[in-house]
Amino acid sequence: MNQNEQHVYDGSHWVLYHGTSTARLKRILGDGRLRRATTGDQKIALTTERSVAEYFACNAVFADKHDHPDAESSPVVLVLDGAGLLVLNYKLVPFSDPIWGDGECEWENEIECWDDIEPLEEVLMAVEPVRTERYQLFIVRGYGAFKPATPPIASFELTVMADTIGKLVEDEITPADADGVVSALAALRSALQPSRARRASSVT
């Protein structure tokens, strides 16, 4: 990607997630690149929701165990700097797969990336393991255990952040202004949580 050298935004982070497995992570880190899929839609599937990334991480492990039963594989989530991806001019597009019907996959809060992410270290904030019990839930309940409690707003978030980063690059706003937008989105996400979920998150 061509980096906008005038603005390397290092403020508050608008986070995107990608679910994968430890078996696949070895190649990703070895290459220093998160590659687009080579079959089907040739993209990288990102999401604004960690629980969704956990679901797809478990899915990756399930496929690994099917293809290589004796190999070790565990689910992990890559935490990426979404604002950084926008600053670096990666092509990000909101998407809801129509395969099960119109709107049926909106819960995934998917944002497609149509470029290999390289070098990955520019935007990789963390690699976080998925708890073992989450994989067991995946086996028993499938995607139902991972659906977010909030309504899908990934498309809205991407529109807001793309506009914000565009204005930042053009010096129409300051980094502090951009931080304010990120904070406002975080507050919106929190407000949309059911009250029971908010109480649980405050305890944990």
Protein backbone atom coordinates (compact mmCIF):
# COMPACT_ATOMS: atom_id res chain seq x y z
CA MET A 1 0.00 0.00 0.00
CA ASN A 2 1.08 3.55 -0.65
CA GLN A 3 1.39 5.28 2.68
CA ASN A 4 0.19 8.85 3.05
CA GLU A 5 3.46 10.22 4.41
CA GLN A 6 1.92 13.48 5.63
CA HIS A 7 -0.27 11.78 8.20
CA VAL A 8 0.56 8.58 10.05
CA TYR A 9 -2.31 8.67 12.51
CA ASP A 10 -1.29 7.42 15.95
CA GLY A 11 -4.26 8.51 18.05
CA SER A 12 -7.09 6.52 19.56
CA HIS A 13 -7.64 3.27 17.74
CA TRP A 14 -10.67 2.19 15.75
CA VAL A 15 -10.13 -1.55 15.97
CA LEU A 16 -10.86 -4.25 13.41
CA TYR A 17 -10.52 -7.99 14.03
CA HIS A 18 -9.58 -11.04 11.97
CA GLY A 19 -10.08 -14.60 13.19
CA THR A 20 -7.58 -17.31 12.30
CA SER A 21 -5.75 -20.28 13.84
CA THR A 22 -2.32 -20.75 15.36
CA ALA A 23 -1.46 -23.14 12.53
CA ARG A 24 -2.20 -20.44 9.94
CA LEU A 25 -0.68 -17.69 12.07
CA LYS A 26 2.78 -19.21 11.68
CA ARG A 27 2.71 -18.55 7.95
CA ILE A 28 1.12 -15.12 8.37
CA LEU A 29 3.83 -13.95 10.75
CA GLY A 30 6.54 -15.69 8.75
CA ASP A 31 5.45 -13.82 5.62
CA GLY A 32 4.83 -10.58 7.49
CA ARG A 33 1.63 -10.40 5.47
CA LEU A 34 -2.07 -11.13 5.85
CA ARG A 35 -3.01 -12.45 2.44
CA ARG A 36 -6.31 -12.29 0.60
CA ALA A 37 -8.17 -15.56 0.07
CA THR A 38 -7.04 -17.40 -3.03
CA THR A 39 -10.45 -18.97 -3.71
CA GLY A 40 -13.96 -17.54 -3.79
CA ASP A 41 -14.05 -13.83 -3.00
CA GLN A 42 -10.35 -12.94 -3.01
CA LYS A 43 -10.41 -10.67 0.02
CA ILE A 44 -9.56 -10.51 3.71
CA ALA A 45 -12.64 -10.65 5.94
CA LEU A 46 -12.40 -8.22 8.84
CA THR A 47 -15.02 -7.31 11.41
CA THR A 48 -15.71 -4.65 14.01
CA GLU A 49 -16.89 -7.33 16.45
CA ARG A 50 -14.44 -9.46 18.41
CA SER A 51 -17.05 -12.19 19.00
CA VAL A 52 -17.48 -12.57 15.23
CA ALA A 53 -13.73 -12.89 14.78
CA GLU A 54 -13.74 -15.56 17.49
CA TYR A 55 -16.39 -17.48 15.54
CA PHE A 56 -14.29 -17.45 12.36
CA ALA A 57 -11.16 -18.34 14.33
CA CYS A 58 -12.99 -21.42 15.64
CA ASN A 59 -14.14 -22.13 12.10
CA ALA A 60 -10.51 -22.05 10.93
CA VAL A 61 -9.48 -24.49 13.67
CA PHE A 62 -12.36 -26.83 12.77
CA ALA A 63 -11.14 -26.86 9.15
CA ASP A 64 -7.53 -27.39 10.28
CA LYS A 65 -8.52 -30.38 12.38
CA HIS A 66 -10.47 -31.83 9.46
CA ASP A 67 -7.58 -31.45 7.02
CA HIS A 68 -4.74 -32.24 9.44
CA PRO A 69 -6.16 -34.25 12.39
CA ASP A 70 -2.77 -34.74 14.06
CA ALA A 71 -1.61 -31.12 13.85
CA GLU A 72 -1.95 -28.63 16.71
CA SER A 73 -4.25 -25.70 16.04
CA SER A 74 -6.01 -23.21 18.33
CA PRO A 75 -8.20 -20.19 17.60
CA VAL A 76 -6.67 -16.70 17.77
CA VAL A 77 -7.82 -13.19 16.91
CA LEU A 78 -5.67 -10.59 15.18
CA VAL A 79 -6.36 -7.08 16.46
CA LEU A 80 -5.76 -4.52 13.72
CA ASP A 81 -5.64 -0.73 13.65
CA GLY A 82 -8.57 0.08 11.36
CA ALA A 83 -7.77 3.80 11.22
CA GLY A 84 -4.21 2.89 10.28
CA LEU A 85 -5.50 0.79 7.39
CA LEU A 86 -7.47 3.80 6.13
CA VAL A 87 -4.47 6.12 6.47
CA LEU A 88 -2.42 3.64 4.46
CA ASN A 89 -5.07 3.63 1.70
CA TYR A 90 -6.21 0.02 2.00
CA LYS A 91 -9.46 -0.63 0.17
CA LEU A 92 -12.07 -1.35 2.86
CA VAL A 93 -15.69 -2.09 1.92
CA PRO A 94 -18.69 -3.05 4.10
CA PHE A 95 -20.23 -6.39 3.15
CA SER A 96 -23.11 -8.66 4.08
CA ASP A 97 -23.05 -12.04 2.37
CA PRO A 98 -26.43 -12.69 0.68
CA ILE A 99 -25.88 -16.46 0.62
CA TRP A 100 -28.53 -17.14 3.31
CA GLY A 101 -30.84 -14.32 2.23
CA ASP A 102 -30.80 -10.54 2.25
CA GLY A 103 -29.51 -9.22 5.57
CA GLU A 104 -29.08 -12.65 7.17
CA CYS A 105 -25.32 -12.18 7.59
CA GLU A 106 -25.37 -8.57 8.76
CA TRP A 107 -24.59 -9.80 12.29
CA GLU A 108 -21.06 -10.51 11.05
CA ASN A 109 -20.37 -6.77 10.76
CA GLU A 110 -17.96 -7.62 7.96
CA ILE A 111 -15.57 -5.17 6.37
CA GLU A 112 -13.76 -6.52 3.32
CA CYS A 113 -10.14 -5.65 2.62
CA TRP A 114 -9.28 -6.12 -1.04
CA ASP A 115 -5.51 -5.85 -0.62
CA ASP A 116 -2.92 -8.03 1.06
CA ILE A 117 -2.00 -6.30 4.34
CA GLU A 118 1.76 -5.89 4.11
CA PRO A 119 3.83 -5.27 6.11
CA LEU A 120 1.41 -6.57 8.70
CA GLU A 121 3.39 -5.10 11.59
CA GLU A 122 2.30 -1.58 10.56
CA VAL A 123 -1.26 -2.24 11.71
CA LEU A 124 -1.09 -5.37 13.90
CA MET A 125 -1.81 -4.31 17.47
CA ALA A 126 -2.10 -7.72 19.13
CA VAL A 127 -2.63 -11.44 18.67
CA GLU A 128 -5.10 -12.68 21.27
CA PRO A 129 -6.01 -16.30 22.06
CA VAL A 130 -9.62 -17.44 22.11
CA ARG A 131 -10.64 -19.20 25.31
CA THR A 132 -10.95 -22.99 25.07
CA GLU A 133 -14.56 -22.91 26.23
CA ARG A 134 -15.43 -20.67 23.28
CA TYR A 135 -14.36 -23.41 20.87
CA GLN A 136 -16.52 -25.87 22.78
CA LEU A 137 -19.45 -23.46 22.41
CA PHE A 138 -18.73 -23.29 18.69
CA ILE A 139 -19.00 -27.08 18.44
CA VAL A 140 -22.25 -27.22 20.44
CA ARG A 141 -24.09 -24.06 19.35
CA GLY A 142 -22.40 -22.84 16.17
CA TYR A 143 -22.64 -19.19 15.23
CA GLY A 144 -25.49 -18.57 17.66
CA ALA A 145 -23.03 -18.35 20.54
CA PHE A 146 -21.09 -15.59 18.81
CA LYS A 147 -23.76 -13.24 17.46
CA PRO A 148 -23.27 -9.72 18.89
CA ALA A 149 -25.94 -8.32 21.17
CA THR A 150 -25.79 -4.95 19.39
CA PRO A 151 -27.36 -4.10 16.01
CA PRO A 152 -24.95 -4.20 13.04
CA ILE A 153 -23.31 -0.80 12.54
CA ALA A 154 -20.04 -1.73 10.80
CA SER A 155 -21.05 0.03 7.58
CA PHE A 156 -21.86 3.20 9.52
CA GLU A 157 -18.60 3.01 11.46
CA LEU A 158 -16.57 2.59 8.27
CA THR A 159 -18.33 5.53 6.60
CA VAL A 160 -17.65 7.75 9.61
CA MET A 161 -14.01 6.69 9.95
CA ALA A 162 -13.25 6.98 6.22
CA ASP A 163 -14.66 10.52 6.29
CA THR A 164 -12.69 11.33 9.44
CA ILE A 165 -9.38 10.04 8.11
CA GLY A 166 -9.97 11.81 4.78
CA LYS A 167 -10.47 15.11 6.59
CA LEU A 168 -7.44 14.45 8.77
CA VAL A 169 -5.26 13.85 5.71
CA GLU A 170 -6.52 17.10 4.17
CA ASP A 171 -5.79 19.02 7.40
CA GLU A 172 -9.46 19.85 7.80
CA ILE A 173 -9.45 18.41 11.33
CA THR A 174 -6.80 17.74 13.98
CA PRO A 175 -5.70 14.41 15.47
CA ALA A 176 -7.60 15.44 18.61
CA ASP A 177 -10.75 15.80 16.52
CA ALA A 178 -10.19 12.32 15.07
CA ASP A 179 -9.72 10.94 18.58
CA GLY A 180 -13.06 12.50 19.50
CA VAL A 181 -14.78 10.66 16.65
CA VAL A 182 -13.26 7.34 17.74
CA SER A 183 -14.38 7.98 21.31
CA ALA A 184 -17.89 8.87 20.11
CA LEU A 185 -18.13 5.60 18.17
CA ALA A 186 -16.99 3.67 21.24
CA ALA A 187 -19.64 5.45 23.32
CA LEU A 188 -22.30 4.60 20.72
CA ARG A 189 -21.33 0.94 20.75
CA SER A 190 -21.50 0.91 24.55
CA ALA A 191 -24.91 2.63 24.56
CA LEU A 192 -26.29 0.03 22.13
CA GLN A 193 -25.32 -2.84 24.44
CA PRO A 194 -28.27 -4.35 26.33
CA SER A 195 -28.14 -3.22 29.96
CA ARG A 196 -27.34 -6.75 31.15
CA ALA A 197 -24.32 -6.94 28.83
CA ARG A 198 -23.13 -3.51 30.04
CA ARG A 199 -23.31 -4.65 33.66
CA ALA A 200 -21.40 -7.85 32.85
CA SER A 201 -18.64 -5.97 31.01
CA SER A 202 -18.26 -3.51 33.92
CA VAL A 203 -17.76 -6.41 36.31
CA THR A 204 -15.18 -8.16 34.11
